[in-house]
Amino acid sequence: MKVKVGEPKIETRQRIEIGHNWTVTWKSGGKRYIVAGPKESYGRTYQIQTTIHEEREAQEYTDGSTEYSDWKEVKRDSRQVVISSW
């Protein structure tokens, strides 16, 4: 029989995702062009960097085992980062 030891502990982590989130669309001569990838502007190339803050509960038991809940997203921050420039 498992018996809980104290309150669950909250574990946190941060994941960083780099994305090519820009899509540029234009028409020329009756044709439509779509380019997906990093954004280039005035000699610099940008990408979107997203930081995802997550947390989960860890519950310890008297038999020495630990059960973990699934990771849940708490907060998400996005910003432009320069990946190259000249």
PDB file of N, CA and C in Angstrom:
ATOM      1  N   MET A   1       0.839  -1.183   0.000  1.00  0.00           N
ATOM      2  CA  MET A   1       0.000   0.000   0.000  1.00  0.00           C
ATOM      3  C   MET A   1       0.881   1.242   0.000  1.00  0.00           C
ATOM      4  N   LYS A   2       0.592   2.135  -0.937  1.00  0.00           N
ATOM      5  CA  LYS A   2       1.357   3.373  -1.035  1.00  0.00           C
ATOM      6  C   LYS A   2       0.756   4.424  -0.117  1.00  0.00           C
ATOM      7  N   VAL A   3       1.627   5.096   0.622  1.00  0.00           N
ATOM      8  CA  VAL A   3       1.207   6.188   1.485  1.00  0.00           C
ATOM      9  C   VAL A   3       2.012   7.415   1.086  1.00  0.00           C
ATOM     10  N   LYS A   4       1.324   8.529   0.866  1.00  0.00           N
ATOM     11  CA  LYS A   4       1.992   9.760   0.449  1.00  0.00           C
ATOM     12  C   LYS A   4       2.878  10.293   1.565  1.00  0.00           C
ATOM     13  N   VAL A   5       4.026  10.862   1.151  1.00  0.00           N
ATOM     14  CA  VAL A   5       4.941  11.504   2.091  1.00  0.00           C
ATOM     15  C   VAL A   5       4.875  13.005   1.828  1.00  0.00           C
ATOM     16  N   GLY A   6       4.236  13.750   2.705  1.00  0.00           N
ATOM     17  CA  GLY A   6       4.151  15.205   2.570  1.00  0.00           C
ATOM     18  C   GLY A   6       3.323  15.662   1.382  1.00  0.00           C
ATOM     19  N   GLU A   7       3.477  16.928   1.085  1.00  0.00           N
ATOM     20  CA  GLU A   7       2.767  17.555  -0.027  1.00  0.00           C
ATOM     21  C   GLU A   7       3.536  17.314  -1.327  1.00  0.00           C
ATOM     22  N   PRO A   8       2.848  17.341  -2.462  1.00  0.00           N
ATOM     23  CA  PRO A   8       3.552  17.197  -3.741  1.00  0.00           C
ATOM     24  C   PRO A   8       4.512  18.372  -3.963  1.00  0.00           C
ATOM     25  N   LYS A   9       5.640  18.078  -4.574  1.00  0.00           N
ATOM     26  CA  LYS A   9       6.608  19.132  -4.912  1.00  0.00           C
ATOM     27  C   LYS A   9       6.331  19.587  -6.338  1.00  0.00           C
ATOM     28  N   ILE A  10       6.527  20.869  -6.569  1.00  0.00           N
ATOM     29  CA  ILE A  10       6.334  21.438  -7.898  1.00  0.00           C
ATOM     30  C   ILE A  10       7.698  21.526  -8.575  1.00  0.00           C
ATOM     31  N   GLU A  11       7.811  20.900  -9.744  1.00  0.00           N
ATOM     32  CA  GLU A  11       9.032  20.987 -10.535  1.00  0.00           C
ATOM     33  C   GLU A  11       8.760  21.916 -11.712  1.00  0.00           C
ATOM     34  N   THR A  12       9.751  22.708 -12.084  1.00  0.00           N
ATOM     35  CA  THR A  12       9.594  23.633 -13.201  1.00  0.00           C
ATOM     36  C   THR A  12      10.702  23.404 -14.219  1.00  0.00           C
ATOM     37  N   ARG A  13      10.416  23.765 -15.463  1.00  0.00           N
ATOM     38  CA  ARG A  13      11.434  23.729 -16.517  1.00  0.00           C
ATOM     39  C   ARG A  13      11.073  24.754 -17.572  1.00  0.00           C
ATOM     40  N   GLN A  14      12.085  25.106 -18.368  1.00  0.00           N
ATOM     41  CA  GLN A  14      11.884  26.010 -19.489  1.00  0.00           C
ATOM     42  C   GLN A  14      12.388  25.324 -20.748  1.00  0.00           C
ATOM     43  N   ARG A  15      11.599  25.410 -21.802  1.00  0.00           N
ATOM     44  CA  ARG A  15      12.016  24.911 -23.106  1.00  0.00           C
ATOM     45  C   ARG A  15      12.102  26.081 -24.059  1.00  0.00           C
ATOM     46  N   ILE A  16      13.076  26.055 -24.921  1.00  0.00           N
ATOM     47  CA  ILE A  16      13.222  27.118 -25.918  1.00  0.00           C
ATOM     48  C   ILE A  16      13.033  26.502 -27.293  1.00  0.00           C
ATOM     49  N   GLU A  17      12.139  27.077 -28.059  1.00  0.00           N
ATOM     50  CA  GLU A  17      11.895  26.641 -29.426  1.00  0.00           C
ATOM     51  C   GLU A  17      12.278  27.774 -30.362  1.00  0.00           C
ATOM     52  N   ILE A  18      13.020  27.433 -31.392  1.00  0.00           N
ATOM     53  CA  ILE A  18      13.364  28.396 -32.430  1.00  0.00           C
ATOM     54  C   ILE A  18      12.511  28.054 -33.630  1.00  0.00           C
ATOM     55  N   GLY A  19      11.770  29.024 -34.113  1.00  0.00           N
ATOM     56  CA  GLY A  19      10.855  28.746 -35.214  1.00  0.00           C
ATOM     57  C   GLY A  19      11.082  29.644 -36.408  1.00  0.00           C
ATOM     58  N   HIS A  20      10.732  29.132 -37.550  1.00  0.00           N
ATOM     59  CA  HIS A  20      10.730  29.895 -38.793  1.00  0.00           C
ATOM     60  C   HIS A  20       9.294  30.318 -39.034  1.00  0.00           C
ATOM     61  N   ASN A  21       8.810  31.239 -38.238  1.00  0.00           N
ATOM     62  CA  ASN A  21       7.386  31.543 -38.231  1.00  0.00           C
ATOM     63  C   ASN A  21       6.940  32.584 -39.242  1.00  0.00           C
ATOM     64  N   TRP A  22       7.855  33.138 -40.005  1.00  0.00           N
ATOM     65  CA  TRP A  22       7.427  34.162 -40.959  1.00  0.00           C
ATOM     66  C   TRP A  22       7.061  33.525 -42.271  1.00  0.00           C
ATOM     67  N   THR A  23       6.017  34.015 -42.861  1.00  0.00           N
ATOM     68  CA  THR A  23       5.643  33.614 -44.209  1.00  0.00           C
ATOM     69  C   THR A  23       5.481  34.888 -45.023  1.00  0.00           C
ATOM     70  N   VAL A  24       6.204  34.970 -46.125  1.00  0.00           N
ATOM     71  CA  VAL A  24       6.140  36.136 -46.995  1.00  0.00           C
ATOM     72  C   VAL A  24       5.407  35.714 -48.256  1.00  0.00           C
ATOM     73  N   THR A  25       4.377  36.449 -48.629  1.00  0.00           N
ATOM     74  CA  THR A  25       3.589  36.138 -49.814  1.00  0.00           C
ATOM     75  C   THR A  25       3.555  37.370 -50.710  1.00  0.00           C
ATOM     76  N   TRP A  26       3.764  37.167 -52.002  1.00  0.00           N
ATOM     77  CA  TRP A  26       3.630  38.267 -52.935  1.00  0.00           C
ATOM     78  C   TRP A  26       3.190  37.721 -54.291  1.00  0.00           C
ATOM     79  N   LYS A  27       2.651  38.608 -55.122  1.00  0.00           N
ATOM     80  CA  LYS A  27       2.229  38.232 -56.467  1.00  0.00           C
ATOM     81  C   LYS A  27       3.088  38.994 -57.466  1.00  0.00           C
ATOM     82  N   SER A  28       3.454  38.294 -58.536  1.00  0.00           N
ATOM     83  CA  SER A  28       4.254  38.922 -59.575  1.00  0.00           C
ATOM     84  C   SER A  28       3.923  38.259 -60.900  1.00  0.00           C
ATOM     85  N   GLY A  29       3.509  39.059 -61.883  1.00  0.00           N
ATOM     86  CA  GLY A  29       3.222  38.510 -63.203  1.00  0.00           C
ATOM     87  C   GLY A  29       2.132  37.455 -63.199  1.00  0.00           C
ATOM     88  N   GLY A  30       1.144  37.586 -62.332  1.00  0.00           N
ATOM     89  CA  GLY A  30       0.045  36.633 -62.277  1.00  0.00           C
ATOM     90  C   GLY A  30       0.362  35.381 -61.471  1.00  0.00           C
ATOM     91  N   LYS A  31       1.598  35.258 -60.959  1.00  0.00           N
ATOM     92  CA  LYS A  31       1.968  34.102 -60.138  1.00  0.00           C
ATOM     93  C   LYS A  31       2.054  34.512 -58.679  1.00  0.00           C
ATOM     94  N   ARG A  32       1.775  33.566 -57.822  1.00  0.00           N
ATOM     95  CA  ARG A  32       1.835  33.825 -56.383  1.00  0.00           C
ATOM     96  C   ARG A  32       3.040  33.085 -55.813  1.00  0.00           C
ATOM     97  N   TYR A  33       3.854  33.783 -55.046  1.00  0.00           N
ATOM     98  CA  TYR A  33       5.045  33.202 -54.434  1.00  0.00           C
ATOM     99  C   TYR A  33       4.896  33.194 -52.920  1.00  0.00           C
ATOM    100  N   ILE A  34       5.265  32.097 -52.303  1.00  0.00           N
ATOM    101  CA  ILE A  34       5.220  31.996 -50.842  1.00  0.00           C
ATOM    102  C   ILE A  34       6.581  31.510 -50.371  1.00  0.00           C
ATOM    103  N   VAL A  35       7.160  32.247 -49.436  1.00  0.00           N
ATOM    104  CA  VAL A  35       8.442  31.866 -48.861  1.00  0.00           C
ATOM    105  C   VAL A  35       8.257  31.760 -47.356  1.00  0.00           C
ATOM    106  N   ALA A  36       8.595  30.624 -46.773  1.00  0.00           N
ATOM    107  CA  ALA A  36       8.533  30.449 -45.326  1.00  0.00           C
ATOM    108  C   ALA A  36       9.950  30.268 -44.814  1.00  0.00           C
ATOM    109  N   GLY A  37      10.254  30.907 -43.746  1.00  0.00           N
ATOM    110  CA  GLY A  37      11.591  30.764 -43.185  1.00  0.00           C
ATOM    111  C   GLY A  37      11.977  31.991 -42.400  1.00  0.00           C
ATOM    112  N   PRO A  38      13.264  32.139 -42.116  1.00  0.00           N
ATOM    113  CA  PRO A  38      13.723  33.309 -41.358  1.00  0.00           C
ATOM    114  C   PRO A  38      13.405  34.605 -42.096  1.00  0.00           C
ATOM    115  N   LYS A  39      13.181  35.638 -41.349  1.00  0.00           N
ATOM    116  CA  LYS A  39      12.878  36.951 -41.908  1.00  0.00           C
ATOM    117  C   LYS A  39      14.180  37.711 -42.089  1.00  0.00           C
ATOM    118  N   GLU A  40      14.379  38.279 -43.275  1.00  0.00           N
ATOM    119  CA  GLU A  40      15.573  39.073 -43.524  1.00  0.00           C
ATOM    120  C   GLU A  40      15.172  40.525 -43.676  1.00  0.00           C
ATOM    121  N   SER A  41      15.929  41.404 -43.028  1.00  0.00           N
ATOM    122  CA  SER A  41      15.629  42.820 -43.089  1.00  0.00           C
ATOM    123  C   SER A  41      16.907  43.618 -42.866  1.00  0.00           C
ATOM    124  N   TYR A  42      17.262  44.452 -43.825  1.00  0.00           N
ATOM    125  CA  TYR A  42      18.416  45.342 -43.719  1.00  0.00           C
ATOM    126  C   TYR A  42      19.687  44.613 -43.278  1.00  0.00           C
ATOM    127  N   GLY A  43      19.978  43.484 -43.912  1.00  0.00           N
ATOM    128  CA  GLY A  43      21.210  42.768 -43.631  1.00  0.00           C
ATOM    129  C   GLY A  43      21.198  41.888 -42.405  1.00  0.00           C
ATOM    130  N   ARG A  44      20.078  41.774 -41.744  1.00  0.00           N
ATOM    131  CA  ARG A  44      19.962  40.902 -40.570  1.00  0.00           C
ATOM    132  C   ARG A  44      18.905  39.844 -40.838  1.00  0.00           C
ATOM    133  N   THR A  45      19.131  38.668 -40.289  1.00  0.00           N
ATOM    134  CA  THR A  45      18.156  37.589 -40.402  1.00  0.00           C
ATOM    135  C   THR A  45      17.595  37.313 -39.016  1.00  0.00           C
ATOM    136  N   TYR A  46      16.269  37.300 -38.922  1.00  0.00           N
ATOM    137  CA  TYR A  46      15.577  37.126 -37.646  1.00  0.00           C
ATOM    138  C   TYR A  46      14.838  35.795 -37.606  1.00  0.00           C
ATOM    139  N   GLN A  47      14.667  35.280 -36.411  1.00  0.00           N
ATOM    140  CA  GLN A  47      13.792  34.150 -36.170  1.00  0.00           C
ATOM    141  C   GLN A  47      12.994  34.443 -34.905  1.00  0.00           C
ATOM    142  N   ILE A  48      11.931  33.680 -34.715  1.00  0.00           N
ATOM    143  CA  ILE A  48      11.142  33.778 -33.488  1.00  0.00           C
ATOM    144  C   ILE A  48      11.696  32.772 -32.482  1.00  0.00           C
ATOM    145  N   GLN A  49      12.000  33.240 -31.285  1.00  0.00           N
ATOM    146  CA  GLN A  49      12.416  32.357 -30.193  1.00  0.00           C
ATOM    147  C   GLN A  49      11.298  32.352 -29.162  1.00  0.00           C
ATOM    148  N   THR A  50      10.784  31.182 -28.858  1.00  0.00           N
ATOM    149  CA  THR A  50       9.691  31.035 -27.904  1.00  0.00           C
ATOM    150  C   THR A  50      10.202  30.290 -26.673  1.00  0.00           C
ATOM    151  N   THR A  51      10.033  30.906 -25.504  1.00  0.00           N
ATOM    152  CA  THR A  51      10.380  30.250 -24.245  1.00  0.00           C
ATOM    153  C   THR A  51       9.088  29.766 -23.610  1.00  0.00           C
ATOM    154  N   ILE A  52       9.027  28.460 -23.345  1.00  0.00           N
ATOM    155  CA  ILE A  52       7.832  27.846 -22.768  1.00  0.00           C
ATOM    156  C   ILE A  52       8.149  27.454 -21.331  1.00  0.00           C
ATOM    157  N   HIS A  53       7.417  28.014 -20.387  1.00  0.00           N
ATOM    158  CA  HIS A  53       7.587  27.710 -18.965  1.00  0.00           C
ATOM    159  C   HIS A  53       6.571  26.631 -18.595  1.00  0.00           C
ATOM    160  N   GLU A  54       7.053  25.533 -18.013  1.00  0.00           N
ATOM    161  CA  GLU A  54       6.181  24.418 -17.667  1.00  0.00           C
ATOM    162  C   GLU A  54       6.405  23.996 -16.223  1.00  0.00           C
ATOM    163  N   GLU A  55       5.395  23.334 -15.660  1.00  0.00           N
ATOM    164  CA  GLU A  55       5.538  22.787 -14.317  1.00  0.00           C
ATOM    165  C   GLU A  55       4.752  21.483 -14.197  1.00  0.00           C
ATOM    166  N   ARG A  56       5.157  20.661 -13.213  1.00  0.00           N
ATOM    167  CA  ARG A  56       4.458  19.418 -12.908  1.00  0.00           C
ATOM    168  C   ARG A  56       4.612  19.111 -11.427  1.00  0.00           C
ATOM    169  N   GLU A  57       3.763  18.222 -10.926  1.00  0.00           N
ATOM    170  CA  GLU A  57       3.829  17.819  -9.525  1.00  0.00           C
ATOM    171  C   GLU A  57       4.560  16.489  -9.410  1.00  0.00           C
ATOM    172  N   ALA A  58       5.358  16.373  -8.352  1.00  0.00           N
ATOM    173  CA  ALA A  58       6.046  15.119  -8.034  1.00  0.00           C
ATOM    174  C   ALA A  58       5.615  14.711  -6.627  1.00  0.00           C
ATOM    175  N   GLN A  59       4.980  13.547  -6.524  1.00  0.00           N
ATOM    176  CA  GLN A  59       4.501  13.055  -5.233  1.00  0.00           C
ATOM    177  C   GLN A  59       5.348  11.864  -4.803  1.00  0.00           C
ATOM    178  N   GLU A  60       5.939  11.952  -3.601  1.00  0.00           N
ATOM    179  CA  GLU A  60       6.741  10.854  -3.059  1.00  0.00           C
ATOM    180  C   GLU A  60       5.877   9.979  -2.164  1.00  0.00           C
ATOM    181  N   TYR A  61       6.236   8.689  -2.114  1.00  0.00           N
ATOM    182  CA  TYR A  61       5.514   7.714  -1.300  1.00  0.00           C
ATOM    183  C   TYR A  61       6.480   7.023  -0.344  1.00  0.00           C
ATOM    184  N   THR A  62       5.927   6.401   0.689  1.00  0.00           N
ATOM    185  CA  THR A  62       6.740   5.768   1.730  1.00  0.00           C
ATOM    186  C   THR A  62       7.560   4.584   1.213  1.00  0.00           C
ATOM    187  N   ASP A  63       7.160   3.988   0.108  1.00  0.00           N
ATOM    188  CA  ASP A  63       7.933   2.862  -0.437  1.00  0.00           C
ATOM    189  C   ASP A  63       9.122   3.320  -1.290  1.00  0.00           C
ATOM    190  N   GLY A  64       9.361   4.633  -1.335  1.00  0.00           N
ATOM    191  CA  GLY A  64      10.500   5.180  -2.073  1.00  0.00           C
ATOM    192  C   GLY A  64      10.200   5.549  -3.510  1.00  0.00           C
ATOM    193  N   SER A  65       8.997   5.298  -3.972  1.00  0.00           N
ATOM    194  CA  SER A  65       8.647   5.627  -5.349  1.00  0.00           C
ATOM    195  C   SER A  65       8.165   7.078  -5.446  1.00  0.00           C
ATOM    196  N   THR A  66       8.207   7.602  -6.659  1.00  0.00           N
ATOM    197  CA  THR A  66       7.738   8.957  -6.934  1.00  0.00           C
ATOM    198  C   THR A  66       6.857   8.909  -8.173  1.00  0.00           C
ATOM    199  N   GLU A  67       5.724   9.557  -8.111  1.00  0.00           N
ATOM    200  CA  GLU A  67       4.833   9.669  -9.270  1.00  0.00           C
ATOM    201  C   GLU A  67       4.826  11.116  -9.741  1.00  0.00           C
ATOM    202  N   TYR A  68       4.858  11.270 -11.067  1.00  0.00           N
ATOM    203  CA  TYR A  68       4.895  12.601 -11.669  1.00  0.00           C
ATOM    204  C   TYR A  68       3.636  12.840 -12.491  1.00  0.00           C
ATOM    205  N   SER A  69       3.130  14.065 -12.425  1.00  0.00           N
ATOM    206  CA  SER A  69       2.014  14.434 -13.298  1.00  0.00           C
ATOM    207  C   SER A  69       2.594  14.840 -14.653  1.00  0.00           C
ATOM    208  N   ASP A  70       1.736  15.086 -15.611  1.00  0.00           N
ATOM    209  CA  ASP A  70       2.184  15.548 -16.923  1.00  0.00           C
ATOM    210  C   ASP A  70       2.648  17.001 -16.815  1.00  0.00           C
ATOM    211  N   TRP A  71       3.571  17.383 -17.710  1.00  0.00           N
ATOM    212  CA  TRP A  71       4.007  18.775 -17.772  1.00  0.00           C
ATOM    213  C   TRP A  71       2.854  19.635 -18.275  1.00  0.00           C
ATOM    214  N   LYS A  72       2.638  20.786 -17.624  1.00  0.00           N
ATOM    215  CA  LYS A  72       1.595  21.727 -18.030  1.00  0.00           C
ATOM    216  C   LYS A  72       2.245  23.060 -18.348  1.00  0.00           C
ATOM    217  N   GLU A  73       1.815  23.663 -19.446  1.00  0.00           N
ATOM    218  CA  GLU A  73       2.345  24.972 -19.841  1.00  0.00           C
ATOM    219  C   GLU A  73       1.748  26.044 -18.939  1.00  0.00           C
ATOM    220  N   VAL A  74       2.630  26.864 -18.366  1.00  0.00           N
ATOM    221  CA  VAL A  74       2.203  27.925 -17.464  1.00  0.00           C
ATOM    222  C   VAL A  74       2.255  29.283 -18.166  1.00  0.00           C
ATOM    223  N   LYS A  75       3.290  29.474 -18.985  1.00  0.00           N
ATOM    224  CA  LYS A  75       3.512  30.773 -19.607  1.00  0.00           C
ATOM    225  C   LYS A  75       4.289  30.564 -20.894  1.00  0.00           C
ATOM    226  N   ARG A  76       4.097  31.462 -21.867  1.00  0.00           N
ATOM    227  CA  ARG A  76       4.811  31.389 -23.138  1.00  0.00           C
ATOM    228  C   ARG A  76       5.258  32.804 -23.510  1.00  0.00           C
ATOM    229  N   ASP A  77       6.547  32.969 -23.775  1.00  0.00           N
ATOM    230  CA  ASP A  77       7.110  34.253 -24.192  1.00  0.00           C
ATOM    231  C   ASP A  77       7.733  34.093 -25.570  1.00  0.00           C
ATOM    232  N   SER A  78       7.472  35.028 -26.462  1.00  0.00           N
ATOM    233  CA  SER A  78       8.070  35.010 -27.800  1.00  0.00           C
ATOM    234  C   SER A  78       8.789  36.314 -28.058  1.00  0.00           C
ATOM    235  N   ARG A  79       9.912  36.208 -28.780  1.00  0.00           N
ATOM    236  CA  ARG A  79      10.643  37.412 -29.152  1.00  0.00           C
ATOM    237  C   ARG A  79      11.452  37.145 -30.409  1.00  0.00           C
ATOM    238  N   GLN A  80      11.820  38.214 -31.089  1.00  0.00           N
ATOM    239  CA  GLN A  80      12.664  38.126 -32.271  1.00  0.00           C
ATOM    240  C   GLN A  80      14.114  38.012 -31.831  1.00  0.00           C
ATOM    241  N   VAL A  81      14.869  37.159 -32.479  1.00  0.00           N
ATOM    242  CA  VAL A  81      16.302  37.087 -32.236  1.00  0.00           C
ATOM    243  C   VAL A  81      17.034  37.200 -33.556  1.00  0.00           C
ATOM    244  N   VAL A  82      18.190  37.840 -33.546  1.00  0.00           N
ATOM    245  CA  VAL A  82      19.012  37.968 -34.750  1.00  0.00           C
ATOM    246  C   VAL A  82      19.856  36.715 -34.858  1.00  0.00           C
ATOM    247  N   ILE A  83      19.781  36.011 -35.994  1.00  0.00           N
ATOM    248  CA  ILE A  83      20.597  34.803 -36.152  1.00  0.00           C
ATOM    249  C   ILE A  83      21.796  35.058 -37.055  1.00  0.00           C
ATOM    250  N   SER A  84      21.791  36.125 -37.822  1.00  0.00           N
ATOM    251  CA  SER A  84      22.973  36.508 -38.587  1.00  0.00           C
ATOM    252  C   SER A  84      22.827  37.955 -39.031  1.00  0.00           C
ATOM    253  N   SER A  85      23.941  38.601 -39.234  1.00  0.00           N
ATOM    254  CA  SER A  85      23.925  39.974 -39.723  1.00  0.00           C
ATOM    255  C   SER A  85      25.233  40.232 -40.459  1.00  0.00           C
ATOM    256  N   TRP A  86      25.210  41.237 -41.307  1.00  0.00           N
ATOM    257  CA  TRP A  86      26.421  41.624 -42.017  1.00  0.00           C
ATOM    258  C   TRP A  86      26.585  43.109 -42.002  1.00  0.00           C
TER     259      TRP A  86
END
